ModelCIF file with pLDDT and N, C-alpha, C, O atoms, coordinates in Angstrom:
data_MODEL
#
_entry.id   MODEL 
#
_entity.id                         1 
_entity.type                       polymer 
_entity.pdbx_number_of_molecules   1 
#
_entity_poly.entity_id                      1 
_entity_poly.type                           'polypeptide(L)' 
_entity_poly.nstd_linkage                   no 
_entity_poly.nstd_monomer                   no 
_entity_poly.pdbx_seq_one_letter_code       
;(UNK)(UNK)(UNK)(UNK)(UNK)(UNK)(UNK)(UNK)(UNK)(UNK)(UNK)(UNK)(UNK)(UNK)(UNK)(UNK)
(UNK)(UNK)(UNK)(UNK)(UNK)(UNK)(UNK)(UNK)(UNK)(UNK)(UNK)(UNK)(UNK)(UNK)(UNK)(UNK)
(UNK)(UNK)
;
_entity_poly.pdbx_seq_one_letter_code_can   XXXXXXXXXXXXXXXXXXXXXXXXXXXXXXXXXX 
_entity_poly.pdbx_strand_id                 A 
#
loop_
_entity_poly_seq.entity_id 
_entity_poly_seq.num 
_entity_poly_seq.mon_id 
_entity_poly_seq.hetero 
1 1  UNK n 
1 2  UNK n 
1 3  UNK n 
1 4  UNK n 
1 5  UNK n 
1 6  UNK n 
1 7  UNK n 
1 8  UNK n 
1 9  UNK n 
1 10 UNK n 
1 11 UNK n 
1 12 UNK n 
1 13 UNK n 
1 14 UNK n 
1 15 UNK n 
1 16 UNK n 
1 17 UNK n 
1 18 UNK n 
1 19 UNK n 
1 20 UNK n 
1 21 UNK n 
1 22 UNK n 
1 23 UNK n 
1 24 UNK n 
1 25 UNK n 
1 26 UNK n 
1 27 UNK n 
1 28 UNK n 
1 29 UNK n 
1 30 UNK n 
1 31 UNK n 
1 32 UNK n 
1 33 UNK n 
1 34 UNK n 
#
_struct_asym.id          A 
_struct_asym.entity_id   1 
#
loop_
_ma_qa_metric.id 
_ma_qa_metric.mode 
_ma_qa_metric.name 
_ma_qa_metric.software_group_id 
_ma_qa_metric.type 
1 global pLDDT . pLDDT 
2 local  pLDDT . pLDDT 
#
_ma_qa_metric_global.metric_id      1 
_ma_qa_metric_global.metric_value   93.74 
_ma_qa_metric_global.model_id       1 
_ma_qa_metric_global.ordinal_id     1 
#
loop_
_ma_qa_metric_local.label_asym_id 
_ma_qa_metric_local.label_comp_id 
_ma_qa_metric_local.label_seq_id 
_ma_qa_metric_local.metric_id 
_ma_qa_metric_local.metric_value 
_ma_qa_metric_local.model_id 
_ma_qa_metric_local.ordinal_id 
A UNK 1  2 97.00 1 1  
A UNK 2  2 98.00 1 2  
A UNK 3  2 97.00 1 3  
A UNK 4  2 98.00 1 4  
A UNK 5  2 96.00 1 5  
A UNK 6  2 92.00 1 6  
A UNK 7  2 90.00 1 7  
A UNK 8  2 90.00 1 8  
A UNK 9  2 92.00 1 9  
A UNK 10 2 91.00 1 10 
A UNK 11 2 92.00 1 11 
A UNK 12 2 94.00 1 12 
A UNK 13 2 93.00 1 13 
A UNK 14 2 92.00 1 14 
A UNK 15 2 95.00 1 15 
A UNK 16 2 95.00 1 16 
A UNK 17 2 92.00 1 17 
A UNK 18 2 93.00 1 18 
A UNK 19 2 94.00 1 19 
A UNK 20 2 93.00 1 20 
A UNK 21 2 91.00 1 21 
A UNK 22 2 93.00 1 22 
A UNK 23 2 92.00 1 23 
A UNK 24 2 89.00 1 24 
A UNK 25 2 89.00 1 25 
A UNK 26 2 92.00 1 26 
A UNK 27 2 94.00 1 27 
A UNK 28 2 96.00 1 28 
A UNK 29 2 96.00 1 29 
A UNK 30 2 96.00 1 30 
A UNK 31 2 96.00 1 31 
A UNK 32 2 97.00 1 32 
A UNK 33 2 97.00 1 33 
A UNK 34 2 95.00 1 34 
#
loop_
_atom_site.group_PDB 
_atom_site.id 
_atom_site.type_symbol 
_atom_site.label_atom_id 
_atom_site.label_alt_id 
_atom_site.label_comp_id 
_atom_site.label_asym_id 
_atom_site.label_entity_id 
_atom_site.label_seq_id 
_atom_site.pdbx_PDB_ins_code 
_atom_site.Cartn_x 
_atom_site.Cartn_y 
_atom_site.Cartn_z 
_atom_site.occupancy 
_atom_site.B_iso_or_equiv 
_atom_site.pdbx_formal_charge 
_atom_site.auth_seq_id 
_atom_site.auth_comp_id 
_atom_site.auth_asym_id 
_atom_site.auth_atom_id 
_atom_site.pdbx_PDB_model_num 
ATOM 1   N N  . UNK A 1 1  ? 9.663   -0.439 3.968   1.00 97.00 ? 1  UNK A N  1 
ATOM 2   C CA . UNK A 1 1  ? 9.215   -1.554 2.817   1.00 97.00 ? 1  UNK A CA 1 
ATOM 3   C C  . UNK A 1 1  ? 8.912   -0.870 1.375   1.00 97.00 ? 1  UNK A C  1 
ATOM 4   O O  . UNK A 1 1  ? 8.568   0.306  1.263   1.00 97.00 ? 1  UNK A O  1 
ATOM 5   N N  . UNK A 1 2  ? 9.071   -1.698 0.370   1.00 98.00 ? 2  UNK A N  1 
ATOM 6   C CA . UNK A 1 2  ? 8.011   -1.593 -0.868  1.00 98.00 ? 2  UNK A CA 1 
ATOM 7   C C  . UNK A 1 2  ? 6.878   -2.363 -1.336  1.00 98.00 ? 2  UNK A C  1 
ATOM 8   O O  . UNK A 1 2  ? 6.733   -3.555 -1.067  1.00 98.00 ? 2  UNK A O  1 
ATOM 9   N N  . UNK A 1 3  ? 6.041   -1.654 -2.068  1.00 97.00 ? 3  UNK A N  1 
ATOM 10  C CA . UNK A 1 3  ? 5.116   -2.149 -1.986  1.00 97.00 ? 3  UNK A CA 1 
ATOM 11  C C  . UNK A 1 3  ? 4.382   -1.989 -3.699  1.00 97.00 ? 3  UNK A C  1 
ATOM 12  O O  . UNK A 1 3  ? 3.891   -0.950 -4.138  1.00 97.00 ? 3  UNK A O  1 
ATOM 13  N N  . UNK A 1 4  ? 4.503   -3.547 -4.578  1.00 98.00 ? 4  UNK A N  1 
ATOM 14  C CA . UNK A 1 4  ? 4.206   -3.939 -5.967  1.00 98.00 ? 4  UNK A CA 1 
ATOM 15  C C  . UNK A 1 4  ? 2.916   -4.404 -5.588  1.00 98.00 ? 4  UNK A C  1 
ATOM 16  O O  . UNK A 1 4  ? 2.517   -5.245 -4.783  1.00 98.00 ? 4  UNK A O  1 
ATOM 17  N N  . UNK A 1 5  ? 2.265   -3.464 -6.556  1.00 96.00 ? 5  UNK A N  1 
ATOM 18  C CA . UNK A 1 5  ? 1.020   -3.644 -6.733  1.00 96.00 ? 5  UNK A CA 1 
ATOM 19  C C  . UNK A 1 5  ? 0.014   -4.065 -7.698  1.00 96.00 ? 5  UNK A C  1 
ATOM 20  O O  . UNK A 1 5  ? 0.092   -3.427 -8.748  1.00 96.00 ? 5  UNK A O  1 
ATOM 21  N N  . UNK A 1 6  ? -0.904  -4.940 -7.667  1.00 92.00 ? 6  UNK A N  1 
ATOM 22  C CA . UNK A 1 6  ? -1.931  -5.513 -8.786  1.00 92.00 ? 6  UNK A CA 1 
ATOM 23  C C  . UNK A 1 6  ? -2.905  -4.241 -8.933  1.00 92.00 ? 6  UNK A C  1 
ATOM 24  O O  . UNK A 1 6  ? -3.064  -3.455 -7.999  1.00 92.00 ? 6  UNK A O  1 
ATOM 25  N N  . UNK A 1 7  ? -3.501  -4.109 -10.091 1.00 90.00 ? 7  UNK A N  1 
ATOM 26  C CA . UNK A 1 7  ? -4.531  -3.070 -10.042 1.00 90.00 ? 7  UNK A CA 1 
ATOM 27  C C  . UNK A 1 7  ? -5.940  -3.959 -10.992 1.00 90.00 ? 7  UNK A C  1 
ATOM 28  O O  . UNK A 1 7  ? -5.903  -4.767 -11.920 1.00 90.00 ? 7  UNK A O  1 
ATOM 29  N N  . UNK A 1 8  ? -7.064  -3.347 -10.235 1.00 90.00 ? 8  UNK A N  1 
ATOM 30  C CA . UNK A 1 8  ? -8.431  -4.340 -10.628 1.00 90.00 ? 8  UNK A CA 1 
ATOM 31  C C  . UNK A 1 8  ? -9.763  -3.411 -9.882  1.00 90.00 ? 8  UNK A C  1 
ATOM 32  O O  . UNK A 1 8  ? -9.790  -3.037 -8.710  1.00 90.00 ? 8  UNK A O  1 
ATOM 33  N N  . UNK A 1 9  ? -10.583 -3.230 -10.697 1.00 92.00 ? 9  UNK A N  1 
ATOM 34  C CA . UNK A 1 9  ? -11.477 -2.432 -9.756  1.00 92.00 ? 9  UNK A CA 1 
ATOM 35  C C  . UNK A 1 9  ? -11.451 -2.606 -8.600  1.00 92.00 ? 9  UNK A C  1 
ATOM 36  O O  . UNK A 1 9  ? -11.102 -3.671 -8.090  1.00 92.00 ? 9  UNK A O  1 
ATOM 37  N N  . UNK A 1 10 ? -11.806 -1.620 -7.987  1.00 91.00 ? 10 UNK A N  1 
ATOM 38  C CA . UNK A 1 10 ? -11.654 -1.679 -6.393  1.00 91.00 ? 10 UNK A CA 1 
ATOM 39  C C  . UNK A 1 10 ? -10.413 -1.774 -5.434  1.00 91.00 ? 10 UNK A C  1 
ATOM 40  O O  . UNK A 1 10 ? -10.410 -1.942 -4.214  1.00 91.00 ? 10 UNK A O  1 
ATOM 41  N N  . UNK A 1 11 ? -9.427  -1.631 -6.244  1.00 92.00 ? 11 UNK A N  1 
ATOM 42  C CA . UNK A 1 11 ? -7.940  -2.388 -5.684  1.00 92.00 ? 11 UNK A CA 1 
ATOM 43  C C  . UNK A 1 11 ? -7.102  -1.033 -5.045  1.00 92.00 ? 11 UNK A C  1 
ATOM 44  O O  . UNK A 1 11 ? -5.943  -1.118 -4.637  1.00 92.00 ? 11 UNK A O  1 
ATOM 45  N N  . UNK A 1 12 ? -7.901  0.226  -5.035  1.00 94.00 ? 12 UNK A N  1 
ATOM 46  C CA . UNK A 1 12 ? -7.162  1.635  -4.654  1.00 94.00 ? 12 UNK A CA 1 
ATOM 47  C C  . UNK A 1 12 ? -7.425  1.672  -3.161  1.00 94.00 ? 12 UNK A C  1 
ATOM 48  O O  . UNK A 1 12 ? -6.586  2.113  -2.377  1.00 94.00 ? 12 UNK A O  1 
ATOM 49  N N  . UNK A 1 13 ? -9.016  1.037  -2.647  1.00 93.00 ? 13 UNK A N  1 
ATOM 50  C CA . UNK A 1 13 ? -9.351  0.855  -1.414  1.00 93.00 ? 13 UNK A CA 1 
ATOM 51  C C  . UNK A 1 13 ? -8.382  0.364  -0.488  1.00 93.00 ? 13 UNK A C  1 
ATOM 52  O O  . UNK A 1 13 ? -7.978  0.926  0.530   1.00 93.00 ? 13 UNK A O  1 
ATOM 53  N N  . UNK A 1 14 ? -7.958  -1.071 -1.087  1.00 92.00 ? 14 UNK A N  1 
ATOM 54  C CA . UNK A 1 14 ? -6.731  -2.117 -0.716  1.00 92.00 ? 14 UNK A CA 1 
ATOM 55  C C  . UNK A 1 14 ? -5.759  -1.316 -0.171  1.00 92.00 ? 14 UNK A C  1 
ATOM 56  O O  . UNK A 1 14 ? -5.370  -1.214 0.993   1.00 92.00 ? 14 UNK A O  1 
ATOM 57  N N  . UNK A 1 15 ? -5.401  -0.727 -1.245  1.00 95.00 ? 15 UNK A N  1 
ATOM 58  C CA . UNK A 1 15 ? -3.976  -0.083 -1.340  1.00 95.00 ? 15 UNK A CA 1 
ATOM 59  C C  . UNK A 1 15 ? -3.973  1.055  0.115   1.00 95.00 ? 15 UNK A C  1 
ATOM 60  O O  . UNK A 1 15 ? -3.044  1.154  0.917   1.00 95.00 ? 15 UNK A O  1 
ATOM 61  N N  . UNK A 1 16 ? -5.244  1.809  0.149   1.00 95.00 ? 16 UNK A N  1 
ATOM 62  C CA . UNK A 1 16 ? -5.087  2.684  1.209   1.00 95.00 ? 16 UNK A CA 1 
ATOM 63  C C  . UNK A 1 16 ? -5.159  2.094  2.580   1.00 95.00 ? 16 UNK A C  1 
ATOM 64  O O  . UNK A 1 16 ? -4.898  2.700  3.619   1.00 95.00 ? 16 UNK A O  1 
ATOM 65  N N  . UNK A 1 17 ? -5.538  0.859  2.477   1.00 92.00 ? 17 UNK A N  1 
ATOM 66  C CA . UNK A 1 17 ? -5.833  -0.119 3.920   1.00 92.00 ? 17 UNK A CA 1 
ATOM 67  C C  . UNK A 1 17 ? -4.025  -0.533 4.124   1.00 92.00 ? 17 UNK A C  1 
ATOM 68  O O  . UNK A 1 17 ? -3.300  -0.443 5.115   1.00 92.00 ? 17 UNK A O  1 
ATOM 69  N N  . UNK A 1 18 ? -3.844  -0.838 3.207   1.00 93.00 ? 18 UNK A N  1 
ATOM 70  C CA . UNK A 1 18 ? -2.356  -1.275 3.107   1.00 93.00 ? 18 UNK A CA 1 
ATOM 71  C C  . UNK A 1 18 ? -1.793  -0.114 3.827   1.00 93.00 ? 18 UNK A C  1 
ATOM 72  O O  . UNK A 1 18 ? -1.415  -0.345 4.976   1.00 93.00 ? 18 UNK A O  1 
ATOM 73  N N  . UNK A 1 19 ? -1.673  1.009  3.407   1.00 94.00 ? 19 UNK A N  1 
ATOM 74  C CA . UNK A 1 19 ? -0.490  1.999  3.660   1.00 94.00 ? 19 UNK A CA 1 
ATOM 75  C C  . UNK A 1 19 ? -0.874  2.546  4.809   1.00 94.00 ? 19 UNK A C  1 
ATOM 76  O O  . UNK A 1 19 ? 0.042   2.757  5.603   1.00 94.00 ? 19 UNK A O  1 
ATOM 77  N N  . UNK A 1 20 ? -2.142  2.893  5.200   1.00 93.00 ? 20 UNK A N  1 
ATOM 78  C CA . UNK A 1 20 ? -2.777  3.510  6.576   1.00 93.00 ? 20 UNK A CA 1 
ATOM 79  C C  . UNK A 1 20 ? -2.180  2.488  7.490   1.00 93.00 ? 20 UNK A C  1 
ATOM 80  O O  . UNK A 1 20 ? -1.641  2.944  8.498   1.00 93.00 ? 20 UNK A O  1 
ATOM 81  N N  . UNK A 1 21 ? -2.172  0.971  7.298   1.00 91.00 ? 21 UNK A N  1 
ATOM 82  C CA . UNK A 1 21 ? -1.638  -0.079 8.505   1.00 91.00 ? 21 UNK A CA 1 
ATOM 83  C C  . UNK A 1 21 ? -0.017  -0.067 8.822   1.00 91.00 ? 21 UNK A C  1 
ATOM 84  O O  . UNK A 1 21 ? 0.504   -0.344 9.902   1.00 91.00 ? 21 UNK A O  1 
ATOM 85  N N  . UNK A 1 22 ? 0.592   0.294  7.695   1.00 93.00 ? 22 UNK A N  1 
ATOM 86  C CA . UNK A 1 22 ? 2.080   0.203  7.997   1.00 93.00 ? 22 UNK A CA 1 
ATOM 87  C C  . UNK A 1 22 ? 2.403   1.342  8.715   1.00 93.00 ? 22 UNK A C  1 
ATOM 88  O O  . UNK A 1 22 ? 3.308   1.373  9.548   1.00 93.00 ? 22 UNK A O  1 
ATOM 89  N N  . UNK A 1 23 ? 1.324   2.771  8.268   1.00 92.00 ? 23 UNK A N  1 
ATOM 90  C CA . UNK A 1 23 ? 2.081   3.850  8.868   1.00 92.00 ? 23 UNK A CA 1 
ATOM 91  C C  . UNK A 1 23 ? 1.615   3.818  10.235  1.00 92.00 ? 23 UNK A C  1 
ATOM 92  O O  . UNK A 1 23 ? 2.328   4.422  11.036  1.00 92.00 ? 23 UNK A O  1 
ATOM 93  N N  . UNK A 1 24 ? 0.444   3.174  10.742  1.00 89.00 ? 24 UNK A N  1 
ATOM 94  C CA . UNK A 1 24 ? 0.218   3.182  12.131  1.00 89.00 ? 24 UNK A CA 1 
ATOM 95  C C  . UNK A 1 24 ? 1.302   2.171  12.897  1.00 89.00 ? 24 UNK A C  1 
ATOM 96  O O  . UNK A 1 24 ? 1.414   2.166  14.123  1.00 89.00 ? 24 UNK A O  1 
ATOM 97  N N  . UNK A 1 25 ? 2.192   1.198  11.891  1.00 89.00 ? 25 UNK A N  1 
ATOM 98  C CA . UNK A 1 25 ? 2.537   0.235  12.627  1.00 89.00 ? 25 UNK A CA 1 
ATOM 99  C C  . UNK A 1 25 ? 4.363   0.724  12.623  1.00 89.00 ? 25 UNK A C  1 
ATOM 100 O O  . UNK A 1 25 ? 5.324   -0.044 12.687  1.00 89.00 ? 25 UNK A O  1 
ATOM 101 N N  . UNK A 1 26 ? 4.378   2.313  12.523  1.00 92.00 ? 26 UNK A N  1 
ATOM 102 C CA . UNK A 1 26 ? 5.623   2.742  12.123  1.00 92.00 ? 26 UNK A CA 1 
ATOM 103 C C  . UNK A 1 26 ? 6.383   2.484  10.904  1.00 92.00 ? 26 UNK A C  1 
ATOM 104 O O  . UNK A 1 26 ? 7.480   3.040  10.952  1.00 92.00 ? 26 UNK A O  1 
ATOM 105 N N  . UNK A 1 27 ? 6.147   1.740  9.677   1.00 94.00 ? 27 UNK A N  1 
ATOM 106 C CA . UNK A 1 27 ? 6.735   1.144  8.713   1.00 94.00 ? 27 UNK A CA 1 
ATOM 107 C C  . UNK A 1 27 ? 6.491   2.131  7.843   1.00 94.00 ? 27 UNK A C  1 
ATOM 108 O O  . UNK A 1 27 ? 5.356   2.546  7.612   1.00 94.00 ? 27 UNK A O  1 
ATOM 109 N N  . UNK A 1 28 ? 7.713   2.645  7.214   1.00 96.00 ? 28 UNK A N  1 
ATOM 110 C CA . UNK A 1 28 ? 7.987   3.566  5.989   1.00 96.00 ? 28 UNK A CA 1 
ATOM 111 C C  . UNK A 1 28 ? 7.853   2.784  4.431   1.00 96.00 ? 28 UNK A C  1 
ATOM 112 O O  . UNK A 1 28 ? 8.499   1.855  3.948   1.00 96.00 ? 28 UNK A O  1 
ATOM 113 N N  . UNK A 1 29 ? 6.968   3.422  4.012   1.00 96.00 ? 29 UNK A N  1 
ATOM 114 C CA . UNK A 1 29 ? 6.517   2.550  2.436   1.00 96.00 ? 29 UNK A CA 1 
ATOM 115 C C  . UNK A 1 29 ? 7.621   3.645  1.399   1.00 96.00 ? 29 UNK A C  1 
ATOM 116 O O  . UNK A 1 29 ? 7.289   4.694  0.848   1.00 96.00 ? 29 UNK A O  1 
ATOM 117 N N  . UNK A 1 30 ? 8.864   3.033  1.388   1.00 96.00 ? 30 UNK A N  1 
ATOM 118 C CA . UNK A 1 30 ? 9.530   3.632  0.246   1.00 96.00 ? 30 UNK A CA 1 
ATOM 119 C C  . UNK A 1 30 ? 9.167   3.938  -0.944  1.00 96.00 ? 30 UNK A C  1 
ATOM 120 O O  . UNK A 1 30 ? 9.888   4.695  -1.593  1.00 96.00 ? 30 UNK A O  1 
ATOM 121 N N  . UNK A 1 31 ? 8.250   3.543  -1.372  1.00 96.00 ? 31 UNK A N  1 
ATOM 122 C CA . UNK A 1 31 ? 7.402   3.495  -2.909  1.00 96.00 ? 31 UNK A CA 1 
ATOM 123 C C  . UNK A 1 31 ? 6.427   2.515  -3.227  1.00 96.00 ? 31 UNK A C  1 
ATOM 124 O O  . UNK A 1 31 ? 6.302   1.464  -2.598  1.00 96.00 ? 31 UNK A O  1 
ATOM 125 N N  . UNK A 1 32 ? 5.597   2.919  -4.390  1.00 97.00 ? 32 UNK A N  1 
ATOM 126 C CA . UNK A 1 32 ? 4.484   1.722  -4.736  1.00 97.00 ? 32 UNK A CA 1 
ATOM 127 C C  . UNK A 1 32 ? 4.988   1.564  -6.100  1.00 97.00 ? 32 UNK A C  1 
ATOM 128 O O  . UNK A 1 32 ? 5.582   2.484  -6.661  1.00 97.00 ? 32 UNK A O  1 
ATOM 129 N N  . UNK A 1 33 ? 4.829   0.731  -6.507  1.00 97.00 ? 33 UNK A N  1 
ATOM 130 C CA . UNK A 1 33 ? 5.264   0.471  -7.875  1.00 97.00 ? 33 UNK A CA 1 
ATOM 131 C C  . UNK A 1 33 ? 4.281   -0.854 -8.383  1.00 97.00 ? 33 UNK A C  1 
ATOM 132 O O  . UNK A 1 33 ? 3.978   -1.848 -7.724  1.00 97.00 ? 33 UNK A O  1 
ATOM 133 N N  . UNK A 1 34 ? 3.873   -0.482 -9.877  1.00 95.00 ? 34 UNK A N  1 
ATOM 134 C CA . UNK A 1 34 ? 3.339   -1.501 -10.437 1.00 95.00 ? 34 UNK A CA 1 
ATOM 135 C C  . UNK A 1 34 ? 3.728   -2.528 -10.740 1.00 95.00 ? 34 UNK A C  1 
ATOM 136 O O  . UNK A 1 34 ? 2.975   -3.339 -11.278 1.00 95.00 ? 34 UNK A O  1 
#
């Protein structure tokens, strides 16, 4: 997958949760883009 992310105060914690959840599911994250 690739991830297009929004940015707001505190959004980094959600991105961390998303990336760790994907990793646990065996999904490769090809990139995180603004």
